């Protein structure tokens, strides 16, 4: 089968998956609980969203202009610019794209409202007065029956996630300021993925994938979302691992290995699900053909986890408390018969339908770095699906894996690149103007 035929088939499968996931609950009346508080609007599974058309907003014109400029020029610039200017342009373009979309519906409140929601981090972070007590009590307060139980997002993550926002609050950053900080960091994720590819000898593929890493519907969920922050930490951890694995000098190898271990350990202490970075980390080492950093990276990451245990929070205790709360809560009302496959439709809407065309290119004979990185990300998503610990909301939860899946767009046929990017930005604009996306 030709590359073009594979791309067509992959795109068709992706579109069909989304269509079926959207149509089944609507046609059958099946209550899949995509959104628990959908009383305020019509729920739109497989996304955690409600139907709420918005004709025009403050960010509409900037977003449309960026979309048009991106479709016209992004591919050419990615090929011609020197590496550092390319990274700078990617960062500025991605940041502007995120913020423009976030300002479409609510203006500045489009950035402020997410983190300020009582279920999110800032309200809890503002109430923290003693970090030692926080860590001692953290696992116990995950239990929904605890008189001082954590809110949904705090309970769903290890304490480093909350501690990050405690730091922002203590710096005087409230909802909008905290949202901007998160977005500034989230916009670096594409740069980390591109850097990883270049370090592993796949600069050409990094350039081809760059427009799809920077522009697309994932920006709808990355702006302000704490999970986008975790994605950035994870991506830079993997980039550091790639640098460590390719340094011939032992001192530099050890130094970058420690950095990688600290970042990957931090990622695991921000999100339980990021234990699934394992396949991606192994893929980096296999591509680099070097296992020298493994022991130092793994050991440093374990030290991060053990440091939290010594301070009062054991990762395993927190995970088992969360699992108990999860299965006693909304998860039991979200049918696995639907979400086991509909999660993939939500992921497709987040990454964009071109993801299907990209993944369809993964086969023997294609670039090794792209094959292994995107394949490892797909493996992580498959494991997350099989765990049944993510029923719905994966357009946010799986953000750390999205850019690595989109690396596969580097393999798209040349004639597909411009129309494929146009499809990505068009979907982002349509979703933002038709749906109220919680994130």
Protein backbone atom coordinates (compact mmCIF):
# COMPACT_ATOMS: atom_id res chain seq x y z
CA UNK A 1 0.00 0.00 0.00
CA UNK A 2 1.34 3.43 -0.93
CA UNK A 3 2.01 6.19 1.59
CA UNK A 4 -0.90 8.20 0.21
CA UNK A 5 -3.28 5.26 0.45
CA UNK A 6 -2.19 4.66 4.05
CA UNK A 7 -2.77 8.30 4.89
CA UNK A 8 -6.26 8.23 3.38
CA UNK A 9 -7.13 5.05 5.26
CA UNK A 10 -5.78 6.39 8.57
CA UNK A 11 -7.66 9.67 8.19
CA UNK A 12 -10.87 7.84 7.29
CA UNK A 13 -10.57 5.58 10.35
CA UNK A 14 -9.95 8.57 12.62
CA UNK A 15 -12.95 10.50 11.29
CA UNK A 16 -15.17 7.42 11.49
CA UNK A 17 -14.11 6.73 15.08
CA UNK A 18 -15.02 10.27 16.14
CA UNK A 19 -18.31 10.15 14.25
CA UNK A 20 -19.35 6.85 15.84
CA UNK A 21 -18.32 7.97 19.33
CA UNK A 22 -20.40 11.13 18.94
CA UNK A 23 -23.38 9.44 17.31
CA UNK A 24 -23.86 6.35 19.49
CA UNK A 25 -24.90 8.14 22.73
CA UNK A 26 -27.02 10.65 20.81
CA UNK A 27 -28.90 8.05 18.72
CA UNK A 28 -29.29 5.45 21.45
CA UNK A 29 -29.91 7.70 24.44
CA UNK A 30 -27.06 5.93 26.21
CA UNK A 31 -25.96 7.96 29.25
CA UNK A 32 -22.19 7.71 29.14
CA UNK A 33 -21.57 10.52 31.68
CA UNK A 34 -19.05 12.39 29.54
CA UNK A 35 -19.65 15.43 31.74
CA UNK A 36 -21.04 15.05 35.24
CA UNK A 37 -22.51 18.54 35.42
CA UNK A 38 -24.11 18.63 31.98
CA UNK A 39 -27.39 19.94 33.39
CA UNK A 40 -26.27 23.40 32.33
CA UNK A 41 -26.10 22.37 28.67
CA UNK A 42 -26.20 19.53 26.16
CA UNK A 43 -23.31 17.15 26.78
CA UNK A 44 -21.17 16.36 23.73
CA UNK A 45 -19.37 13.03 24.19
CA UNK A 46 -16.69 11.89 23.72
CA UNK A 47 -15.42 15.31 24.90
CA UNK A 48 -15.92 16.73 28.38
CA UNK A 49 -17.88 19.59 26.82
CA UNK A 50 -21.31 21.08 26.22
CA UNK A 51 -22.94 22.46 23.10
CA UNK A 52 -22.59 26.26 23.28
CA UNK A 53 -22.11 28.01 19.91
CA UNK A 54 -20.16 31.29 20.05
CA UNK A 55 -20.19 33.35 16.87
CA UNK A 56 -17.42 35.75 17.72
CA UNK A 57 -15.06 36.57 20.59
CA UNK A 58 -11.98 38.67 21.40
CA UNK A 59 -9.63 35.91 20.27
CA UNK A 60 -11.45 35.00 17.06
CA UNK A 61 -9.66 37.34 14.67
CA UNK A 62 -6.14 36.65 16.05
CA UNK A 63 -6.83 32.90 15.95
CA UNK A 64 -8.08 32.99 12.35
CA UNK A 65 -5.13 35.14 11.26
CA UNK A 66 -2.67 32.77 12.94
CA UNK A 67 -4.38 29.79 11.35
CA UNK A 68 -4.14 31.32 7.86
CA UNK A 69 -0.51 32.37 8.34
CA UNK A 70 0.37 28.97 9.71
CA UNK A 71 -1.18 27.07 6.83
CA UNK A 72 0.51 29.36 4.30
CA UNK A 73 3.98 29.70 5.81
CA UNK A 74 4.64 27.21 8.63
CA UNK A 75 5.81 24.35 6.44
CA UNK A 76 8.23 26.51 4.45
CA UNK A 77 9.63 28.22 7.53
CA UNK A 78 10.15 24.87 9.25
CA UNK A 79 12.32 23.78 6.31
CA UNK A 80 14.30 27.02 5.80
CA UNK A 81 14.91 28.59 9.21
CA UNK A 82 18.09 27.89 11.12
CA UNK A 83 17.48 25.68 14.14
CA UNK A 84 17.40 28.26 16.92
CA UNK A 85 15.21 30.74 15.02
CA UNK A 86 12.92 27.79 14.25
CA UNK A 87 12.60 26.98 17.95
CA UNK A 88 11.94 30.64 18.75
CA UNK A 89 9.31 30.94 16.00
CA UNK A 90 7.69 27.69 17.13
CA UNK A 91 7.46 28.93 20.70
CA UNK A 92 6.04 32.35 19.82
CA UNK A 93 3.61 30.88 17.29
CA UNK A 94 2.42 28.13 19.61
CA UNK A 95 1.98 30.50 22.54
CA UNK A 96 0.03 33.00 20.42
CA UNK A 97 -2.17 30.18 19.06
CA UNK A 98 -2.99 28.89 22.56
CA UNK A 99 -3.78 32.30 24.00
CA UNK A 100 -5.84 33.40 20.99
CA UNK A 101 -8.05 30.33 21.25
CA UNK A 102 -8.36 30.74 25.02
CA UNK A 103 -9.57 34.33 24.60
CA UNK A 104 -12.27 33.50 22.04
CA UNK A 105 -15.09 32.68 24.41
CA UNK A 106 -14.47 34.56 27.63
CA UNK A 107 -11.71 37.04 26.95
CA UNK A 108 -9.21 37.07 29.81
CA UNK A 109 -11.53 34.82 31.80
CA UNK A 110 -10.83 32.13 29.22
CA UNK A 111 -7.40 31.88 30.84
CA UNK A 112 -8.48 32.61 34.40
CA UNK A 113 -11.54 30.45 34.98
CA UNK A 114 -10.05 26.95 34.72
CA UNK A 115 -7.50 27.06 37.53
CA UNK A 116 -9.83 29.18 39.66
CA UNK A 117 -12.59 26.55 39.55
CA UNK A 118 -13.16 25.00 43.00
CA UNK A 119 -12.38 21.53 41.58
CA UNK A 120 -8.98 22.69 40.36
CA UNK A 121 -5.81 23.72 42.19
CA UNK A 122 -5.71 27.39 43.13
CA UNK A 123 -8.46 27.40 45.78
CA UNK A 124 -6.81 24.51 47.61
CA UNK A 125 -3.32 25.94 47.09
CA UNK A 126 -4.35 29.23 48.67
CA UNK A 127 -5.45 27.38 51.82
CA UNK A 128 -2.14 25.56 52.35
CA UNK A 129 -0.22 26.92 55.32
CA UNK A 130 2.09 24.03 56.28
CA UNK A 131 3.69 21.88 53.61
CA UNK A 132 4.88 19.28 56.13
CA UNK A 133 1.33 18.72 57.38
CA UNK A 134 0.11 18.71 53.78
CA UNK A 135 2.40 15.81 52.85
CA UNK A 136 1.67 13.86 56.03
CA UNK A 137 -2.08 14.02 55.46
CA UNK A 138 -2.10 13.93 51.66
CA UNK A 139 -2.84 10.25 51.04
CA UNK A 140 -5.51 10.02 53.75
CA UNK A 141 -7.38 13.03 52.36
CA UNK A 142 -7.74 11.42 48.93
CA UNK A 143 -10.56 9.29 50.39
CA UNK A 144 -13.87 10.93 49.44
CA UNK A 145 -15.25 10.07 52.91
CA UNK A 146 -12.51 11.99 54.69
CA UNK A 147 -14.01 15.09 56.36
CA UNK A 148 -11.34 17.22 54.66
CA UNK A 149 -11.14 15.31 51.39
CA UNK A 150 -9.29 16.86 48.49
CA UNK A 151 -11.14 18.29 45.51
CA UNK A 152 -11.26 16.17 42.36
CA UNK A 153 -8.11 17.36 40.63
CA UNK A 154 -6.00 17.56 43.78
CA UNK A 155 -7.06 14.06 44.82
CA UNK A 156 -6.30 12.75 41.34
CA UNK A 157 -2.61 13.66 41.40
CA UNK A 158 0.44 13.27 43.64
CA UNK A 159 1.34 16.33 45.73
CA UNK A 160 3.97 17.95 43.50
CA UNK A 161 1.15 19.16 41.26
CA UNK A 162 -0.47 21.01 44.16
CA UNK A 163 2.89 22.23 45.49
CA UNK A 164 3.61 23.91 42.15
CA UNK A 165 0.45 25.97 42.52
CA UNK A 166 1.17 26.65 46.17
CA UNK A 167 4.38 28.24 44.92
CA UNK A 168 2.51 30.38 42.40
CA UNK A 169 0.03 31.54 45.04
CA UNK A 170 2.86 32.50 47.38
CA UNK A 171 4.37 34.53 44.57
CA UNK A 172 1.12 36.46 44.42
CA UNK A 173 -0.11 34.94 41.16
CA UNK A 174 -3.87 34.47 41.10
CA UNK A 175 -6.07 32.88 38.44
CA UNK A 176 -5.03 34.85 35.33
CA UNK A 177 -1.37 35.14 36.31
CA UNK A 178 -1.16 31.45 37.21
CA UNK A 179 -2.87 30.55 33.93
CA UNK A 180 -0.32 32.56 31.96
CA UNK A 181 2.57 30.86 33.76
CA UNK A 182 1.14 27.42 32.98
CA UNK A 183 0.63 28.39 29.34
CA UNK A 184 4.14 29.83 29.02
CA UNK A 185 5.54 26.50 30.20
CA UNK A 186 3.11 24.38 28.18
CA UNK A 187 4.16 26.14 24.97
CA UNK A 188 7.69 24.75 25.40
CA UNK A 189 6.50 21.16 24.91
CA UNK A 190 6.79 21.27 21.12
CA UNK A 191 10.36 22.57 21.47
CA UNK A 192 11.28 19.68 23.77
CA UNK A 193 9.94 17.12 21.29
CA UNK A 194 11.72 18.79 18.36
CA UNK A 195 14.95 18.93 20.37
CA UNK A 196 14.67 15.24 21.22
CA UNK A 197 14.31 14.32 17.56
CA UNK A 198 17.26 16.49 16.53
CA UNK A 199 19.53 15.12 19.25
CA UNK A 200 18.62 11.60 18.12
CA UNK A 201 19.65 12.39 14.55
CA UNK A 202 16.21 13.12 13.12
CA UNK A 203 16.33 16.88 12.53
CA UNK A 204 14.60 16.60 9.16
CA UNK A 205 11.71 14.74 10.78
CA UNK A 206 11.55 17.32 13.58
CA UNK A 207 11.18 20.07 10.98
CA UNK A 208 8.44 18.19 9.14
CA UNK A 209 6.49 17.56 12.34
CA UNK A 210 6.99 21.08 13.74
CA UNK A 211 3.87 22.74 12.24
CA UNK A 212 1.68 19.94 13.61
CA UNK A 213 3.30 20.14 17.04
CA UNK A 214 2.74 23.90 17.21
CA UNK A 215 -0.68 24.35 15.58
CA UNK A 216 -3.74 22.19 16.06
CA UNK A 217 -6.65 21.40 18.37
CA UNK A 218 -4.41 20.22 21.23
CA UNK A 219 -3.86 23.91 22.01
CA UNK A 220 -7.49 24.09 23.18
CA UNK A 221 -6.64 21.80 26.07
CA UNK A 222 -3.04 22.85 26.66
CA UNK A 223 -3.69 26.49 27.47
CA UNK A 224 -4.09 26.72 31.27
CA UNK A 225 -4.50 22.95 31.80
CA UNK A 226 -2.27 21.58 34.54
CA UNK A 227 -1.88 18.41 32.47
CA UNK A 228 -0.14 20.51 29.82
CA UNK A 229 2.33 21.55 32.51
CA UNK A 230 3.00 17.87 33.24
CA UNK A 231 3.41 17.30 29.49
CA UNK A 232 6.12 19.97 29.36
CA UNK A 233 8.01 18.54 32.36
CA UNK A 234 7.82 15.05 30.85
CA UNK A 235 8.93 16.22 27.40
CA UNK A 236 11.96 18.04 28.75
CA UNK A 237 12.80 14.99 30.85
CA UNK A 238 12.85 12.87 27.70
CA UNK A 239 14.83 15.52 25.83
CA UNK A 240 17.42 15.53 28.63
CA UNK A 241 17.55 11.75 28.47
CA UNK A 242 18.25 11.95 24.73
CA UNK A 243 21.07 14.42 25.35
CA UNK A 244 22.53 12.18 28.07
CA UNK A 245 22.38 9.12 25.84
CA UNK A 246 24.23 10.86 23.00
CA UNK A 247 27.02 12.59 24.98
CA UNK A 248 30.38 10.85 24.50
CA UNK A 249 31.87 12.72 27.45
CA UNK A 250 31.18 10.83 30.69
CA UNK A 251 30.85 13.95 32.85
CA UNK A 252 28.25 15.50 30.57
CA UNK A 253 26.45 12.21 30.25
CA UNK A 254 26.17 11.94 34.03
CA UNK A 255 25.07 15.55 34.42
CA UNK A 256 22.31 15.27 31.83
CA UNK A 257 21.28 11.91 33.28
CA UNK A 258 20.70 13.55 36.66
CA UNK A 259 18.66 16.32 35.02
CA UNK A 260 16.59 13.73 33.15
CA UNK A 261 16.01 11.72 36.33
CA UNK A 262 14.93 14.79 38.28
CA UNK A 263 12.47 15.85 35.58
CA UNK A 264 11.04 12.38 35.00
CA UNK A 265 10.80 11.79 38.75
CA UNK A 266 9.01 15.12 39.08
CA UNK A 267 6.61 14.13 36.30
CA UNK A 268 5.68 10.94 38.16
CA UNK A 269 5.12 12.99 41.32
CA UNK A 270 2.78 15.27 39.36
CA UNK A 271 0.66 12.58 37.70
CA UNK A 272 0.28 8.88 38.50
CA UNK A 273 -0.32 8.18 34.82
CA UNK A 274 3.13 9.42 33.86
CA UNK A 275 4.60 6.17 35.07
CA UNK A 276 3.65 5.27 31.49
CA UNK A 277 6.51 7.44 30.25
CA UNK A 278 8.49 4.21 30.57
CA UNK A 279 8.00 3.07 26.95
CA UNK A 280 9.04 6.51 25.67
CA UNK A 281 12.14 6.59 27.85
CA UNK A 282 13.14 3.12 26.63
CA UNK A 283 12.50 4.21 23.03
CA UNK A 284 14.89 7.15 23.46
CA UNK A 285 17.64 4.83 24.72
CA UNK A 286 17.05 2.31 21.93
CA UNK A 287 17.20 5.03 19.27
CA UNK A 288 20.39 6.44 20.79
CA UNK A 289 21.83 2.91 21.05
CA UNK A 290 23.08 3.67 24.51
CA UNK A 291 22.07 2.32 27.92
CA UNK A 292 24.76 4.21 29.83
CA UNK A 293 22.36 6.77 31.37
CA UNK A 294 19.77 4.19 32.45
CA UNK A 295 20.98 3.48 35.99
CA UNK A 296 21.63 7.13 36.85
CA UNK A 297 18.32 8.34 35.40
CA UNK A 298 16.30 5.60 37.08
CA UNK A 299 18.14 6.04 40.36
CA UNK A 300 17.66 9.82 40.38
CA UNK A 301 13.96 9.47 39.59
CA UNK A 302 13.58 6.97 42.44
CA UNK A 303 15.35 9.40 44.79
CA UNK A 304 12.71 12.04 43.94
CA UNK A 305 9.92 9.59 44.81
CA UNK A 306 11.66 8.45 48.00
CA UNK A 307 12.25 12.05 49.07
CA UNK A 308 8.49 12.60 49.07
CA UNK A 309 8.03 9.35 50.99
CA UNK A 310 10.50 10.55 53.62
CA UNK A 311 8.58 13.83 53.84
CA UNK A 312 5.31 12.00 54.48
CA UNK A 313 3.78 10.99 51.13
CA UNK A 314 4.29 7.51 49.69
CA UNK A 315 3.44 7.31 45.96
CA UNK A 316 1.96 3.80 46.24
CA UNK A 317 -0.30 4.77 49.15
CA UNK A 318 -1.61 7.72 47.19
CA UNK A 319 -2.24 5.61 44.10
CA UNK A 320 -4.23 2.95 45.94
CA UNK A 321 -6.30 5.59 47.75
CA UNK A 322 -7.02 7.24 44.40
CA UNK A 323 -7.96 3.93 42.81
CA UNK A 324 -10.47 3.31 45.61
CA UNK A 325 -11.99 6.79 45.26
CA UNK A 326 -12.04 6.53 41.47
CA UNK A 327 -14.02 3.28 41.35
CA UNK A 328 -16.44 4.42 44.06
CA UNK A 329 -17.04 7.69 42.22
CA UNK A 330 -17.90 8.74 38.68
CA UNK A 331 -15.93 5.96 36.98
CA UNK A 332 -18.45 3.30 37.97
CA UNK A 333 -21.14 5.32 36.16
CA UNK A 334 -19.06 5.71 33.01
CA UNK A 335 -19.56 2.50 30.99
CA UNK A 336 -16.34 0.76 30.03
CA UNK A 337 -18.15 -0.71 27.01
CA UNK A 338 -18.21 2.81 25.58
CA UNK A 339 -15.13 4.55 26.99
CA UNK A 340 -12.63 1.81 26.21
CA UNK A 341 -12.82 2.84 22.55
CA UNK A 342 -14.43 6.29 22.81
CA UNK A 343 -11.36 7.49 24.73
CA UNK A 344 -9.47 7.06 21.47
CA UNK A 345 -12.01 9.29 19.73
CA UNK A 346 -11.49 11.99 22.37
CA UNK A 347 -7.74 11.64 21.87
CA UNK A 348 -8.25 12.01 18.12
CA UNK A 349 -10.18 15.25 18.60
CA UNK A 350 -7.41 16.57 20.84
CA UNK A 351 -4.54 15.62 18.55
CA UNK A 352 -6.56 16.21 15.39
CA UNK A 353 -7.75 13.66 12.80
CA UNK A 354 -4.42 13.91 10.97
CA UNK A 355 -3.13 11.75 13.80
CA UNK A 356 -4.78 8.79 12.08
CA UNK A 357 -3.00 9.56 8.82
CA UNK A 358 0.30 9.88 10.64
CA UNK A 359 0.01 6.69 12.67
CA UNK A 360 -0.97 4.80 9.52
CA UNK A 361 2.54 5.50 8.19
CA UNK A 362 4.25 3.61 11.02
CA UNK A 363 5.79 0.51 9.52
CA UNK A 364 9.14 -1.09 8.80
CA UNK A 365 11.38 1.01 6.64
CA UNK A 366 10.32 4.45 7.89
CA UNK A 367 12.54 6.67 10.01
CA UNK A 368 13.58 4.73 13.10
CA UNK A 369 13.26 7.62 15.56
CA UNK A 370 9.74 8.49 14.44
CA UNK A 371 8.66 4.86 14.41
CA UNK A 372 9.90 4.13 17.92
CA UNK A 373 8.81 7.38 19.57
CA UNK A 374 5.29 7.41 18.12
CA UNK A 375 5.02 3.67 18.63
CA UNK A 376 6.04 4.03 22.27
CA UNK A 377 3.48 6.80 22.79
CA UNK A 378 0.80 4.60 21.22
CA UNK A 379 1.84 1.79 23.55
CA UNK A 380 1.49 4.10 26.56
CA UNK A 381 -2.01 5.12 25.44
CA UNK A 382 -2.97 1.46 24.93
CA UNK A 383 -1.78 0.62 28.46
CA UNK A 384 -3.69 3.59 29.86
CA UNK A 385 -6.82 2.40 28.06
CA UNK A 386 -6.45 -1.16 29.34
CA UNK A 387 -5.96 0.09 32.89
CA UNK A 388 -9.50 1.53 32.82
CA UNK A 389 -8.22 4.35 35.05
CA UNK A 390 -9.12 6.97 32.45
CA UNK A 391 -12.74 6.85 31.45
CA UNK A 392 -13.48 10.15 29.67
CA UNK A 393 -11.61 13.46 29.93
CA UNK A 394 -8.58 12.00 28.17
CA UNK A 395 -8.39 15.00 25.85
CA UNK A 396 -6.77 16.57 28.92
CA UNK A 397 -5.35 13.57 30.79
CA UNK A 398 -3.42 12.19 27.82
CA UNK A 399 -1.86 15.50 26.77
CA UNK A 400 1.66 14.29 27.73
CA UNK A 401 1.45 11.63 25.01
CA UNK A 402 -0.14 13.73 22.25
CA UNK A 403 3.00 15.48 20.91
CA UNK A 404 4.88 12.19 20.73
CA UNK A 405 2.01 10.67 18.76
CA UNK A 406 2.05 13.69 16.44
CA UNK A 407 5.71 13.03 15.65
CA UNK A 408 4.23 10.54 13.17
CA UNK A 409 3.05 13.47 11.00
CA UNK A 410 6.67 13.77 9.84
CA UNK A 411 5.91 10.75 7.65
CA UNK A 412 2.93 12.27 5.82
CA UNK A 413 3.20 12.48 2.01
CA UNK A 414 4.52 15.92 0.95
CA UNK A 415 1.30 16.85 -0.84
CA UNK A 416 -0.66 16.18 2.33
CA UNK A 417 1.17 18.61 4.59
CA UNK A 418 -0.56 21.89 3.78
CA UNK A 419 -4.14 20.52 3.56
CA UNK A 420 -3.53 18.38 6.65
CA UNK A 421 -2.43 21.41 8.67
CA UNK A 422 -5.45 23.34 7.36
CA UNK A 423 -7.70 20.55 8.63
CA UNK A 424 -6.04 20.68 12.05
CA UNK A 425 -6.44 24.43 12.59
CA UNK A 426 -9.96 24.40 11.15
CA UNK A 427 -11.02 21.73 13.64
CA UNK A 428 -9.56 23.78 16.50
CA UNK A 429 -11.52 26.88 15.43
CA UNK A 430 -14.74 24.93 14.99
CA UNK A 431 -14.49 23.21 18.37
CA UNK A 432 -13.70 26.46 20.18
CA UNK A 433 -16.63 28.29 18.59
CA UNK A 434 -19.24 25.54 18.90
CA UNK A 435 -18.45 23.87 22.23
CA UNK A 436 -17.84 24.98 25.78
CA UNK A 437 -14.70 23.04 26.62
CA UNK A 438 -14.21 22.70 30.35
CA UNK A 439 -10.46 22.90 30.00
